């Protein structure tokens, strides 16, 4: 995985436990950790096909694509990376 993107995804994954309460609240609310939520949301907004390019091996890309496919939307659509990241 490329350096800056890898660091960004690691940071987003580290704070995922803090964000779980915000994920299950109504959409219109003030998040408990707004900066962490933004850090997760930036790469999650990408299509899964774009974010999968960050991994170097075919196996890693396939694993991410398989998990992201559970979004039940085309992997070329925006926000399809969110399921793969969670």
C-alpha atoms as a PDB file:
ATOM      1  CA  UNK A   1       0.000   0.000   0.000  1.00  0.00           C
ATOM      2  CA  UNK A   2       1.289   3.482  -0.732  1.00  0.00           C
ATOM      3  CA  UNK A   3       2.675   5.464   2.197  1.00  0.00           C
ATOM      4  CA  UNK A   4       0.253   8.341   2.717  1.00  0.00           C
ATOM      5  CA  UNK A   5      -2.851   6.297   1.991  1.00  0.00           C
ATOM      6  CA  UNK A   6      -1.686   3.493   4.272  1.00  0.00           C
ATOM      7  CA  UNK A   7      -1.125   5.962   7.097  1.00  0.00           C
ATOM      8  CA  UNK A   8      -4.567   7.468   6.531  1.00  0.00           C
ATOM      9  CA  UNK A   9      -6.319   4.113   6.576  1.00  0.00           C
ATOM     10  CA  UNK A  10      -4.441   2.984   9.680  1.00  0.00           C
ATOM     11  CA  UNK A  11      -5.524   6.172  11.444  1.00  0.00           C
ATOM     12  CA  UNK A  12      -9.126   5.653  10.397  1.00  0.00           C
ATOM     13  CA  UNK A  13      -9.096   2.017  11.499  1.00  0.00           C
ATOM     14  CA  UNK A  14      -7.583   2.859  14.891  1.00  0.00           C
ATOM     15  CA  UNK A  15     -10.464   5.167  15.729  1.00  0.00           C
ATOM     16  CA  UNK A  16     -13.226   2.891  14.476  1.00  0.00           C
ATOM     17  CA  UNK A  17     -14.240   1.794  17.985  1.00  0.00           C
ATOM     18  CA  UNK A  18     -14.803   5.430  18.955  1.00  0.00           C
ATOM     19  CA  UNK A  19     -17.037   5.954  15.923  1.00  0.00           C
ATOM     20  CA  UNK A  20     -19.356   2.983  16.337  1.00  0.00           C
ATOM     21  CA  UNK A  21     -21.841   4.997  18.417  1.00  0.00           C
ATOM     22  CA  UNK A  22     -21.968   7.707  15.745  1.00  0.00           C
ATOM     23  CA  UNK A  23     -22.562   5.115  13.015  1.00  0.00           C
ATOM     24  CA  UNK A  24     -25.730   3.875  14.706  1.00  0.00           C
ATOM     25  CA  UNK A  25     -27.251   7.253  15.583  1.00  0.00           C
ATOM     26  CA  UNK A  26     -29.691   9.147  13.393  1.00  0.00           C
ATOM     27  CA  UNK A  27     -28.028  10.911  10.471  1.00  0.00           C
ATOM     28  CA  UNK A  28     -28.783  14.378  11.814  1.00  0.00           C
ATOM     29  CA  UNK A  29     -26.773  14.552  15.045  1.00  0.00           C
ATOM     30  CA  UNK A  30     -23.600  16.150  16.347  1.00  0.00           C
ATOM     31  CA  UNK A  31     -20.883  13.467  16.215  1.00  0.00           C
ATOM     32  CA  UNK A  32     -18.925  12.668  19.365  1.00  0.00           C
ATOM     33  CA  UNK A  33     -15.627  12.689  17.451  1.00  0.00           C
ATOM     34  CA  UNK A  34     -16.121  14.910  14.381  1.00  0.00           C
ATOM     35  CA  UNK A  35     -12.473  14.927  13.253  1.00  0.00           C
ATOM     36  CA  UNK A  36     -12.169  11.147  13.483  1.00  0.00           C
ATOM     37  CA  UNK A  37     -15.420  10.781  11.595  1.00  0.00           C
ATOM     38  CA  UNK A  38     -14.084  13.048   8.837  1.00  0.00           C
ATOM     39  CA  UNK A  39     -10.832  11.075   8.739  1.00  0.00           C
ATOM     40  CA  UNK A  40     -12.800   7.863   8.207  1.00  0.00           C
ATOM     41  CA  UNK A  41     -15.244   9.446   5.775  1.00  0.00           C
ATOM     42  CA  UNK A  42     -12.724  10.853   3.300  1.00  0.00           C
ATOM     43  CA  UNK A  43     -11.403   7.516   1.949  1.00  0.00           C
ATOM     44  CA  UNK A  44     -14.748   5.812   2.593  1.00  0.00           C
ATOM     45  CA  UNK A  45     -16.367   8.193   0.108  1.00  0.00           C
ATOM     46  CA  UNK A  46     -14.243   6.825  -2.740  1.00  0.00           C
ATOM     47  CA  UNK A  47     -15.449   4.072  -5.019  1.00  0.00           C
ATOM     48  CA  UNK A  48     -14.037   0.703  -3.934  1.00  0.00           C
ATOM     49  CA  UNK A  49     -12.311   0.301  -7.296  1.00  0.00           C
ATOM     50  CA  UNK A  50     -10.315   3.489  -6.662  1.00  0.00           C
ATOM     51  CA  UNK A  51      -9.360   2.629  -3.088  1.00  0.00           C
ATOM     52  CA  UNK A  52      -8.391  -0.936  -4.043  1.00  0.00           C
ATOM     53  CA  UNK A  53      -5.559   0.482  -6.159  1.00  0.00           C
ATOM     54  CA  UNK A  54      -3.805   1.427  -2.912  1.00  0.00           C
ATOM     55  CA  UNK A  55      -2.864  -2.208  -2.275  1.00  0.00           C
ATOM     56  CA  UNK A  56       0.050  -3.661  -4.193  1.00  0.00           C
ATOM     57  CA  UNK A  57      -0.857  -7.358  -4.249  1.00  0.00           C
ATOM     58  CA  UNK A  58      -3.712  -8.903  -6.178  1.00  0.00           C
ATOM     59  CA  UNK A  59      -4.693 -10.879  -3.070  1.00  0.00           C
ATOM     60  CA  UNK A  60      -5.106  -7.734  -0.966  1.00  0.00           C
ATOM     61  CA  UNK A  61      -7.153  -6.044  -3.693  1.00  0.00           C
ATOM     62  CA  UNK A  62      -9.366  -9.117  -4.010  1.00  0.00           C
ATOM     63  CA  UNK A  63      -9.907  -9.305  -0.252  1.00  0.00           C
ATOM     64  CA  UNK A  64     -10.872  -5.627  -0.058  1.00  0.00           C
ATOM     65  CA  UNK A  65     -13.129  -5.942  -3.110  1.00  0.00           C
ATOM     66  CA  UNK A  66     -14.844  -8.994  -1.642  1.00  0.00           C
ATOM     67  CA  UNK A  67     -15.588  -7.213   1.619  1.00  0.00           C
ATOM     68  CA  UNK A  68     -16.668  -4.012  -0.169  1.00  0.00           C
ATOM     69  CA  UNK A  69     -19.030  -6.054  -2.355  1.00  0.00           C
ATOM     70  CA  UNK A  70     -21.214  -6.544   0.709  1.00  0.00           C
ATOM     71  CA  UNK A  71     -22.375  -2.952   0.175  1.00  0.00           C
ATOM     72  CA  UNK A  72     -24.697  -4.439  -2.469  1.00  0.00           C
ATOM     73  CA  UNK A  73     -23.943  -1.630  -4.889  1.00  0.00           C
ATOM     74  CA  UNK A  74     -21.555  -1.475  -7.834  1.00  0.00           C
ATOM     75  CA  UNK A  75     -17.945  -1.101  -6.705  1.00  0.00           C
ATOM     76  CA  UNK A  76     -17.557   1.860  -9.055  1.00  0.00           C
ATOM     77  CA  UNK A  77     -20.103   3.954  -7.142  1.00  0.00           C
ATOM     78  CA  UNK A  78     -19.038   6.511  -4.550  1.00  0.00           C
ATOM     79  CA  UNK A  79     -19.245   5.325  -0.917  1.00  0.00           C
ATOM     80  CA  UNK A  80     -18.741   1.660  -1.883  1.00  0.00           C
ATOM     81  CA  UNK A  81     -15.408   1.695   0.013  1.00  0.00           C
ATOM     82  CA  UNK A  82     -17.128   2.365   3.339  1.00  0.00           C
ATOM     83  CA  UNK A  83     -18.172  -1.254   3.877  1.00  0.00           C
ATOM     84  CA  UNK A  84     -14.696  -2.479   2.971  1.00  0.00           C
ATOM     85  CA  UNK A  85     -13.097  -0.108   5.461  1.00  0.00           C
ATOM     86  CA  UNK A  86     -15.403  -0.966   8.339  1.00  0.00           C
END
